[in-house]
Amino acid sequence: MNANKHTTHRTSKSDLTRVDAHKIQPHEYDEVPELIDEDFSKGTFKRAGRPVAADPRKQVTIRLPESVLKRWRESGAGWQTRMAKILERRAP
């Protein structure tokens, strides 16, 4: 399914060799305050990704004539969503 997607390699634009070679010195710890339990209680956790849908989609298999499917695909991006809306309006 993802075989046709082109991926780009992301770069951090950092000199990672220099970063890896750096040895942390004791005086560098003075720059960062020590975290206490109170600091952790103020934190919040956020889930990554899309929000949970109120009406989640479910994958189904449906057999359609090739000509019908071709016309839907040729109608452009979002054709599945448009098809779903029409089906929803026509549902008994």
PDB file of N, CA and C in Angstrom:
ATOM      1  N   MET A   1       0.818  -1.188   0.000  1.00  0.00           N
ATOM      2  CA  MET A   1       0.000   0.000   0.000  1.00  0.00           C
ATOM      3  C   MET A   1       0.868   1.260   0.000  1.00  0.00           C
ATOM      4  N   ASN A   2       1.984   1.254   0.711  1.00  0.00           N
ATOM      5  CA  ASN A   2       2.870   2.403   0.771  1.00  0.00           C
ATOM      6  C   ASN A   2       4.004   2.311  -0.241  1.00  0.00           C
ATOM      7  N   ALA A   3       3.966   1.308  -1.115  1.00  0.00           N
ATOM      8  CA  ALA A   3       5.061   1.077  -2.041  1.00  0.00           C
ATOM      9  C   ALA A   3       5.257   2.244  -3.009  1.00  0.00           C
ATOM     10  N   ASN A   4       4.203   2.958  -3.356  1.00  0.00           N
ATOM     11  CA  ASN A   4       4.308   4.039  -4.325  1.00  0.00           C
ATOM     12  C   ASN A   4       4.650   5.383  -3.700  1.00  0.00           C
ATOM     13  N   LYS A   5       4.676   5.468  -2.402  1.00  0.00           N
ATOM     14  CA  LYS A   5       4.971   6.730  -1.749  1.00  0.00           C
ATOM     15  C   LYS A   5       6.473   6.995  -1.782  1.00  0.00           C
ATOM     16  N   HIS A   6       6.822   8.226  -2.137  1.00  0.00           N
ATOM     17  CA  HIS A   6       8.223   8.606  -2.151  1.00  0.00           C
ATOM     18  C   HIS A   6       8.594   9.148  -0.779  1.00  0.00           C
ATOM     19  N   THR A   7       9.688   8.670  -0.247  1.00  0.00           N
ATOM     20  CA  THR A   7      10.116   9.149   1.056  1.00  0.00           C
ATOM     21  C   THR A   7      11.346  10.009   0.893  1.00  0.00           C
ATOM     22  N   THR A   8      11.458  10.988   1.747  1.00  0.00           N
ATOM     23  CA  THR A   8      12.652  11.823   1.752  1.00  0.00           C
ATOM     24  C   THR A   8      13.369  11.588   3.062  1.00  0.00           C
ATOM     25  N   HIS A   9      14.675  11.615   2.992  1.00  0.00           N
ATOM     26  CA  HIS A   9      15.461  11.426   4.201  1.00  0.00           C
ATOM     27  C   HIS A   9      15.588  12.762   4.906  1.00  0.00           C
ATOM     28  N   ARG A  10      15.187  12.794   6.150  1.00  0.00           N
ATOM     29  CA  ARG A  10      15.246  14.023   6.923  1.00  0.00           C
ATOM     30  C   ARG A  10      16.636  14.172   7.528  1.00  0.00           C
ATOM     31  N   THR A  11      17.082  15.388   7.573  1.00  0.00           N
ATOM     32  CA  THR A  11      18.369  15.663   8.199  1.00  0.00           C
ATOM     33  C   THR A  11      18.148  16.630   9.340  1.00  0.00           C
ATOM     34  N   SER A  12      18.963  16.491  10.371  1.00  0.00           N
ATOM     35  CA  SER A  12      18.821  17.356  11.535  1.00  0.00           C
ATOM     36  C   SER A  12      19.579  18.660  11.372  1.00  0.00           C
ATOM     37  N   LYS A  13      20.404  18.754  10.348  1.00  0.00           N
ATOM     38  CA  LYS A  13      21.228  19.937  10.097  1.00  0.00           C
ATOM     39  C   LYS A  13      22.145  20.229  11.277  1.00  0.00           C
ATOM     40  N   SER A  14      22.503  19.198  12.027  1.00  0.00           N
ATOM     41  CA  SER A  14      23.427  19.340  13.149  1.00  0.00           C
ATOM     42  C   SER A  14      24.692  18.551  12.857  1.00  0.00           C
ATOM     43  N   ASP A  15      25.771  18.978  13.471  1.00  0.00           N
ATOM     44  CA  ASP A  15      27.030  18.257  13.334  1.00  0.00           C
ATOM     45  C   ASP A  15      27.037  17.155  14.400  1.00  0.00           C
ATOM     46  N   LEU A  16      26.425  16.016  14.062  1.00  0.00           N
ATOM     47  CA  LEU A  16      26.258  14.951  15.045  1.00  0.00           C
ATOM     48  C   LEU A  16      27.581  14.336  15.478  1.00  0.00           C
ATOM     49  N   THR A  17      28.587  14.373  14.617  1.00  0.00           N
ATOM     50  CA  THR A  17      29.904  13.856  15.000  1.00  0.00           C
ATOM     51  C   THR A  17      30.466  14.687  16.153  1.00  0.00           C
ATOM     52  N   ARG A  18      30.319  16.002  16.033  1.00  0.00           N
ATOM     53  CA  ARG A  18      30.812  16.895  17.093  1.00  0.00           C
ATOM     54  C   ARG A  18      29.987  16.716  18.369  1.00  0.00           C
ATOM     55  N   VAL A  19      28.681  16.542  18.218  1.00  0.00           N
ATOM     56  CA  VAL A  19      27.818  16.338  19.382  1.00  0.00           C
ATOM     57  C   VAL A  19      28.185  15.043  20.094  1.00  0.00           C
ATOM     58  N   ASP A  20      28.378  13.967  19.332  1.00  0.00           N
ATOM     59  CA  ASP A  20      28.757  12.685  19.925  1.00  0.00           C
ATOM     60  C   ASP A  20      30.108  12.751  20.618  1.00  0.00           C
ATOM     61  N   ALA A  21      31.021  13.562  20.092  1.00  0.00           N
ATOM     62  CA  ALA A  21      32.363  13.650  20.659  1.00  0.00           C
ATOM     63  C   ALA A  21      32.405  14.479  21.943  1.00  0.00           C
ATOM     64  N   HIS A  22      31.366  15.293  22.179  1.00  0.00           N
ATOM     65  CA  HIS A  22      31.365  16.176  23.351  1.00  0.00           C
ATOM     66  C   HIS A  22      31.219  15.378  24.645  1.00  0.00           C
ATOM     67  N   LYS A  23      32.062  15.658  25.585  1.00  0.00           N
ATOM     68  CA  LYS A  23      31.989  15.049  26.919  1.00  0.00           C
ATOM     69  C   LYS A  23      31.381  16.080  27.875  1.00  0.00           C
ATOM     70  N   ILE A  24      30.292  15.698  28.524  1.00  0.00           N
ATOM     71  CA  ILE A  24      29.611  16.619  29.429  1.00  0.00           C
ATOM     72  C   ILE A  24      30.483  16.855  30.653  1.00  0.00           C
ATOM     73  N   GLN A  25      30.648  18.130  30.975  1.00  0.00           N
ATOM     74  CA  GLN A  25      31.464  18.543  32.105  1.00  0.00           C
ATOM     75  C   GLN A  25      30.561  18.838  33.306  1.00  0.00           C
ATOM     76  N   PRO A  26      31.074  18.653  34.529  1.00  0.00           N
ATOM     77  CA  PRO A  26      30.249  18.892  35.727  1.00  0.00           C
ATOM     78  C   PRO A  26      29.609  20.279  35.772  1.00  0.00           C
ATOM     79  N   HIS A  27      30.327  21.324  35.329  1.00  0.00           N
ATOM     80  CA  HIS A  27      29.755  22.677  35.395  1.00  0.00           C
ATOM     81  C   HIS A  27      28.549  22.845  34.467  1.00  0.00           C
ATOM     82  N   GLU A  28      28.412  21.984  33.453  1.00  0.00           N
ATOM     83  CA  GLU A  28      27.270  22.087  32.535  1.00  0.00           C
ATOM     84  C   GLU A  28      25.969  21.679  33.221  1.00  0.00           C
ATOM     85  N   TYR A  29      26.049  20.868  34.255  1.00  0.00           N
ATOM     86  CA  TYR A  29      24.854  20.472  34.988  1.00  0.00           C
ATOM     87  C   TYR A  29      24.256  21.639  35.763  1.00  0.00           C
ATOM     88  N   ASP A  30      25.066  22.664  36.065  1.00  0.00           N
ATOM     89  CA  ASP A  30      24.568  23.829  36.790  1.00  0.00           C
ATOM     90  C   ASP A  30      23.546  24.605  35.963  1.00  0.00           C
ATOM     91  N   GLU A  31      23.587  24.462  34.660  1.00  0.00           N
ATOM     92  CA  GLU A  31      22.679  25.190  33.785  1.00  0.00           C
ATOM     93  C   GLU A  31      21.262  24.618  33.817  1.00  0.00           C
ATOM     94  N   VAL A  32      21.124  23.367  34.201  1.00  0.00           N
ATOM     95  CA  VAL A  32      19.827  22.694  34.188  1.00  0.00           C
ATOM     96  C   VAL A  32      19.360  22.487  35.627  1.00  0.00           C
ATOM     97  N   PRO A  33      18.198  23.040  36.005  1.00  0.00           N
ATOM     98  CA  PRO A  33      17.731  22.847  37.382  1.00  0.00           C
ATOM     99  C   PRO A  33      17.313  21.397  37.602  1.00  0.00           C
ATOM    100  N   GLU A  34      17.450  20.933  38.829  1.00  0.00           N
ATOM    101  CA  GLU A  34      17.047  19.573  39.158  1.00  0.00           C
ATOM    102  C   GLU A  34      15.522  19.493  39.192  1.00  0.00           C
ATOM    103  N   LEU A  35      14.986  18.449  38.597  1.00  0.00           N
ATOM    104  CA  LEU A  35      13.537  18.271  38.586  1.00  0.00           C
ATOM    105  C   LEU A  35      13.105  17.558  39.859  1.00  0.00           C
ATOM    106  N   ILE A  36      12.029  18.054  40.449  1.00  0.00           N
ATOM    107  CA  ILE A  36      11.496  17.445  41.668  1.00  0.00           C
ATOM    108  C   ILE A  36      10.108  16.886  41.356  1.00  0.00           C
ATOM    109  N   ASP A  37       9.529  16.131  42.280  1.00  0.00           N
ATOM    110  CA  ASP A  37       8.220  15.499  42.064  1.00  0.00           C
ATOM    111  C   ASP A  37       7.149  16.515  41.679  1.00  0.00           C
ATOM    112  N   GLU A  38       7.207  17.696  42.257  1.00  0.00           N
ATOM    113  CA  GLU A  38       6.219  18.726  41.947  1.00  0.00           C
ATOM    114  C   GLU A  38       6.271  19.108  40.461  1.00  0.00           C
ATOM    115  N   ASP A  39       7.461  19.148  39.900  1.00  0.00           N
ATOM    116  CA  ASP A  39       7.602  19.473  38.485  1.00  0.00           C
ATOM    117  C   ASP A  39       6.912  18.421  37.614  1.00  0.00           C
ATOM    118  N   PHE A  40       7.045  17.159  37.974  1.00  0.00           N
ATOM    119  CA  PHE A  40       6.435  16.093  37.192  1.00  0.00           C
ATOM    120  C   PHE A  40       4.911  16.102  37.326  1.00  0.00           C
ATOM    121  N   SER A  41       4.396  16.527  38.481  1.00  0.00           N
ATOM    122  CA  SER A  41       2.943  16.563  38.663  1.00  0.00           C
ATOM    123  C   SER A  41       2.293  17.658  37.820  1.00  0.00           C
ATOM    124  N   LYS A  42       3.051  18.653  37.414  1.00  0.00           N
ATOM    125  CA  LYS A  42       2.530  19.738  36.590  1.00  0.00           C
ATOM    126  C   LYS A  42       2.467  19.336  35.107  1.00  0.00           C
ATOM    127  N   GLY A  43       3.159  18.289  34.756  1.00  0.00           N
ATOM    128  CA  GLY A  43       3.238  17.886  33.354  1.00  0.00           C
ATOM    129  C   GLY A  43       1.952  17.270  32.845  1.00  0.00           C
ATOM    130  N   THR A  44       1.791  17.311  31.542  1.00  0.00           N
ATOM    131  CA  THR A  44       0.648  16.678  30.886  1.00  0.00           C
ATOM    132  C   THR A  44       1.169  15.758  29.787  1.00  0.00           C
ATOM    133  N   PHE A  45       0.397  14.745  29.497  1.00  0.00           N
ATOM    134  CA  PHE A  45       0.757  13.811  28.446  1.00  0.00           C
ATOM    135  C   PHE A  45      -0.210  13.996  27.295  1.00  0.00           C
ATOM    136  N   LYS A  46       0.317  14.037  26.102  1.00  0.00           N
ATOM    137  CA  LYS A  46      -0.514  14.174  24.923  1.00  0.00           C
ATOM    138  C   LYS A  46      -0.265  12.980  24.013  1.00  0.00           C
ATOM    139  N   ARG A  47      -1.352  12.416  23.530  1.00  0.00           N
ATOM    140  CA  ARG A  47      -1.225  11.311  22.594  1.00  0.00           C
ATOM    141  C   ARG A  47      -0.960  11.874  21.207  1.00  0.00           C
ATOM    142  N   ALA A  48      -0.055  11.249  20.511  1.00  0.00           N
ATOM    143  CA  ALA A  48       0.249  11.672  19.153  1.00  0.00           C
ATOM    144  C   ALA A  48      -0.732  11.029  18.186  1.00  0.00           C
ATOM    145  N   GLY A  49      -0.857  11.595  17.022  1.00  0.00           N
ATOM    146  CA  GLY A  49      -1.696  11.019  15.992  1.00  0.00           C
ATOM    147  C   GLY A  49      -3.032  11.712  15.871  1.00  0.00           C
ATOM    148  N   ARG A  50      -3.885  11.103  15.092  1.00  0.00           N
ATOM    149  CA  ARG A  50      -5.197  11.671  14.840  1.00  0.00           C
ATOM    150  C   ARG A  50      -6.111  11.491  16.041  1.00  0.00           C
ATOM    151  N   PRO A  51      -7.052  12.418  16.216  1.00  0.00           N
ATOM    152  CA  PRO A  51      -8.021  12.249  17.298  1.00  0.00           C
ATOM    153  C   PRO A  51      -8.942  11.068  17.005  1.00  0.00           C
ATOM    154  N   VAL A  52      -9.495  10.498  18.043  1.00  0.00           N
ATOM    155  CA  VAL A  52     -10.407   9.365  17.883  1.00  0.00           C
ATOM    156  C   VAL A  52     -11.693   9.865  17.251  1.00  0.00           C
ATOM    157  N   ALA A  53     -12.121   9.213  16.183  1.00  0.00           N
ATOM    158  CA  ALA A  53     -13.318   9.636  15.449  1.00  0.00           C
ATOM    159  C   ALA A  53     -14.577   9.231  16.202  1.00  0.00           C
ATOM    160  N   ALA A  54     -15.591  10.079  16.117  1.00  0.00           N
ATOM    161  CA  ALA A  54     -16.880   9.767  16.744  1.00  0.00           C
ATOM    162  C   ALA A  54     -17.568   8.624  16.004  1.00  0.00           C
ATOM    163  N   ASP A  55     -17.374   8.586  14.692  1.00  0.00           N
ATOM    164  CA  ASP A  55     -17.960   7.537  13.860  1.00  0.00           C
ATOM    165  C   ASP A  55     -16.817   6.907  13.057  1.00  0.00           C
ATOM    166  N   PRO A  56     -16.033   6.017  13.686  1.00  0.00           N
ATOM    167  CA  PRO A  56     -14.836   5.493  13.015  1.00  0.00           C
ATOM    168  C   PRO A  56     -15.181   4.692  11.768  1.00  0.00           C
ATOM    169  N   ARG A  57     -14.261   4.697  10.840  1.00  0.00           N
ATOM    170  CA  ARG A  57     -14.455   3.950   9.601  1.00  0.00           C
ATOM    171  C   ARG A  57     -14.070   2.495   9.786  1.00  0.00           C
ATOM    172  N   LYS A  58     -14.717   1.657   9.015  1.00  0.00           N
ATOM    173  CA  LYS A  58     -14.447   0.229   9.069  1.00  0.00           C
ATOM    174  C   LYS A  58     -14.233  -0.244   7.637  1.00  0.00           C
ATOM    175  N   GLN A  59     -13.193  -1.020   7.440  1.00  0.00           N
ATOM    176  CA  GLN A  59     -12.890  -1.502   6.104  1.00  0.00           C
ATOM    177  C   GLN A  59     -13.849  -2.623   5.714  1.00  0.00           C
ATOM    178  N   VAL A  60     -14.367  -2.534   4.485  1.00  0.00           N
ATOM    179  CA  VAL A  60     -15.257  -3.564   3.946  1.00  0.00           C
ATOM    180  C   VAL A  60     -14.800  -3.893   2.529  1.00  0.00           C
ATOM    181  N   THR A  61     -15.295  -4.989   2.021  1.00  0.00           N
ATOM    182  CA  THR A  61     -15.024  -5.366   0.638  1.00  0.00           C
ATOM    183  C   THR A  61     -16.332  -5.278  -0.130  1.00  0.00           C
ATOM    184  N   ILE A  62     -16.284  -4.587  -1.263  1.00  0.00           N
ATOM    185  CA  ILE A  62     -17.472  -4.442  -2.095  1.00  0.00           C
ATOM    186  C   ILE A  62     -17.040  -4.629  -3.549  1.00  0.00           C
ATOM    187  N   ARG A  63     -17.864  -5.337  -4.305  1.00  0.00           N
ATOM    188  CA  ARG A  63     -17.550  -5.585  -5.710  1.00  0.00           C
ATOM    189  C   ARG A  63     -18.309  -4.565  -6.555  1.00  0.00           C
ATOM    190  N   LEU A  64     -17.563  -3.759  -7.312  1.00  0.00           N
ATOM    191  CA  LEU A  64     -18.148  -2.745  -8.186  1.00  0.00           C
ATOM    192  C   LEU A  64     -17.665  -2.985  -9.608  1.00  0.00           C
ATOM    193  N   PRO A  65     -18.461  -2.586 -10.591  1.00  0.00           N
ATOM    194  CA  PRO A  65     -17.988  -2.676 -11.960  1.00  0.00           C
ATOM    195  C   PRO A  65     -16.727  -1.822 -12.140  1.00  0.00           C
ATOM    196  N   GLU A  66     -15.809  -2.320 -12.926  1.00  0.00           N
ATOM    197  CA  GLU A  66     -14.539  -1.621 -13.134  1.00  0.00           C
ATOM    198  C   GLU A  66     -14.757  -0.209 -13.668  1.00  0.00           C
ATOM    199  N   SER A  67     -15.736  -0.037 -14.558  1.00  0.00           N
ATOM    200  CA  SER A  67     -16.001   1.287 -15.139  1.00  0.00           C
ATOM    201  C   SER A  67     -16.467   2.283 -14.072  1.00  0.00           C
ATOM    202  N   VAL A  68     -17.256   1.817 -13.118  1.00  0.00           N
ATOM    203  CA  VAL A  68     -17.740   2.692 -12.036  1.00  0.00           C
ATOM    204  C   VAL A  68     -16.573   3.111 -11.155  1.00  0.00           C
ATOM    205  N   LEU A  69     -15.757   2.162 -10.782  1.00  0.00           N
ATOM    206  CA  LEU A  69     -14.604   2.458  -9.935  1.00  0.00           C
ATOM    207  C   LEU A  69     -13.636   3.403 -10.641  1.00  0.00           C
ATOM    208  N   LYS A  70     -13.445   3.199 -11.945  1.00  0.00           N
ATOM    209  CA  LYS A  70     -12.548   4.063 -12.724  1.00  0.00           C
ATOM    210  C   LYS A  70     -13.048   5.507 -12.706  1.00  0.00           C
ATOM    211  N   ARG A  71     -14.382   5.705 -12.910  1.00  0.00           N
ATOM    212  CA  ARG A  71     -14.929   7.072 -12.898  1.00  0.00           C
ATOM    213  C   ARG A  71     -14.745   7.724 -11.530  1.00  0.00           C
ATOM    214  N   TRP A  72     -14.961   6.968 -10.457  1.00  0.00           N
ATOM    215  CA  TRP A  72     -14.778   7.530  -9.113  1.00  0.00           C
ATOM    216  C   TRP A  72     -13.337   7.947  -8.904  1.00  0.00           C
ATOM    217  N   ARG A  73     -12.398   7.091  -9.269  1.00  0.00           N
ATOM    218  CA  ARG A  73     -10.967   7.414  -9.086  1.00  0.00           C
ATOM    219  C   ARG A  73     -10.564   8.628  -9.916  1.00  0.00           C
ATOM    220  N   GLU A  74     -11.100   8.718 -11.134  1.00  0.00           N
ATOM    221  CA  GLU A  74     -10.780   9.850 -12.003  1.00  0.00           C
ATOM    222  C   GLU A  74     -11.363  11.166 -11.479  1.00  0.00           C
ATOM    223  N   SER A  75     -12.320  11.104 -10.574  1.00  0.00           N
ATOM    224  CA  SER A  75     -12.922  12.320 -10.024  1.00  0.00           C
ATOM    225  C   SER A  75     -11.976  13.048  -9.076  1.00  0.00           C
ATOM    226  N   GLY A  76     -10.849  12.424  -8.757  1.00  0.00           N
ATOM    227  CA  GLY A  76      -9.824  13.117  -7.972  1.00  0.00           C
ATOM    228  C   GLY A  76      -9.706  12.628  -6.547  1.00  0.00           C
ATOM    229  N   ALA A  77      -8.757  13.237  -5.847  1.00  0.00           N
ATOM    230  CA  ALA A  77      -8.480  12.868  -4.458  1.00  0.00           C
ATOM    231  C   ALA A  77      -9.727  13.045  -3.597  1.00  0.00           C
ATOM    232  N   GLY A  78      -9.888  12.159  -2.639  1.00  0.00           N
ATOM    233  CA  GLY A  78     -11.030  12.224  -1.734  1.00  0.00           C
ATOM    234  C   GLY A  78     -12.255  11.500  -2.250  1.00  0.00           C
ATOM    235  N   TRP A  79     -12.073  10.697  -3.298  1.00  0.00           N
ATOM    236  CA  TRP A  79     -13.239  10.026  -3.889  1.00  0.00           C
ATOM    237  C   TRP A  79     -13.894   9.058  -2.923  1.00  0.00           C
ATOM    238  N   GLN A  80     -13.109   8.413  -2.046  1.00  0.00           N
ATOM    239  CA  GLN A  80     -13.716   7.483  -1.088  1.00  0.00           C
ATOM    240  C   GLN A  80     -14.626   8.233  -0.114  1.00  0.00           C
ATOM    241  N   THR A  81     -14.189   9.399   0.326  1.00  0.00           N
ATOM    242  CA  THR A  81     -14.988  10.200   1.254  1.00  0.00           C
ATOM    243  C   THR A  81     -16.283  10.661   0.580  1.00  0.00           C
ATOM    244  N   ARG A  82     -16.184  11.107  -0.668  1.00  0.00           N
ATOM    245  CA  ARG A  82     -17.385  11.539  -1.394  1.00  0.00           C
ATOM    246  C   ARG A  82     -18.340  10.373  -1.577  1.00  0.00           C
ATOM    247  N   MET A  83     -17.802   9.200  -1.893  1.00  0.00           N
ATOM    248  CA  MET A  83     -18.642   8.017  -2.062  1.00  0.00           C
ATOM    249  C   MET A  83     -19.339   7.665  -0.743  1.00  0.00           C
ATOM    250  N   ALA A  84     -18.608   7.748   0.360  1.00  0.00           N
ATOM    251  CA  ALA A  84     -19.171   7.430   1.663  1.00  0.00           C
ATOM    252  C   ALA A  84     -20.314   8.373   2.011  1.00  0.00           C
ATOM    253  N   LYS A  85     -20.169   9.664   1.677  1.00  0.00           N
ATOM    254  CA  LYS A  85     -21.234  10.640   1.963  1.00  0.00           C
ATOM    255  C   LYS A  85     -22.498  10.334   1.164  1.00  0.00           C
ATOM    256  N   ILE A  86     -22.310   9.952  -0.101  1.00  0.00           N
ATOM    257  CA  ILE A  86     -23.477   9.615  -0.917  1.00  0.00           C
ATOM    258  C   ILE A  86     -24.162   8.368  -0.377  1.00  0.00           C
ATOM    259  N   LEU A  87     -23.375   7.370  -0.029  1.00  0.00           N
ATOM    260  CA  LEU A  87     -23.943   6.139   0.539  1.00  0.00           C
ATOM    261  C   LEU A  87     -24.674   6.418   1.856  1.00  0.00           C
ATOM    262  N   GLU A  88     -24.112   7.322   2.656  1.00  0.00           N
ATOM    263  CA  GLU A  88     -24.742   7.658   3.935  1.00  0.00           C
ATOM    264  C   GLU A  88     -26.102   8.328   3.712  1.00  0.00           C
ATOM    265  N   ARG A  89     -26.195   9.207   2.721  1.00  0.00           N
ATOM    266  CA  ARG A  89     -27.463   9.880   2.438  1.00  0.00           C
ATOM    267  C   ARG A  89     -28.502   8.907   1.907  1.00  0.00           C
ATOM    268  N   ARG A  90     -28.065   7.879   1.197  1.00  0.00           N
ATOM    269  CA  ARG A  90     -28.978   6.920   0.588  1.00  0.00           C
ATOM    270  C   ARG A  90     -29.311   5.738   1.490  1.00  0.00           C
ATOM    271  N   ALA A  91     -28.679   5.661   2.642  1.00  0.00           N
ATOM    272  CA  ALA A  91     -28.896   4.520   3.544  1.00  0.00           C
ATOM    273  C   ALA A  91     -30.349   4.482   4.005  1.00  0.00           C
ATOM    274  N   PRO A  92     -30.915   3.274   4.089  1.00  0.00           N
ATOM    275  CA  PRO A  92     -32.326   3.157   4.534  1.00  0.00           C
ATOM    276  C   PRO A  92     -32.508   3.549   5.985  1.00  0.00           C
TER     277      PRO A  92
END
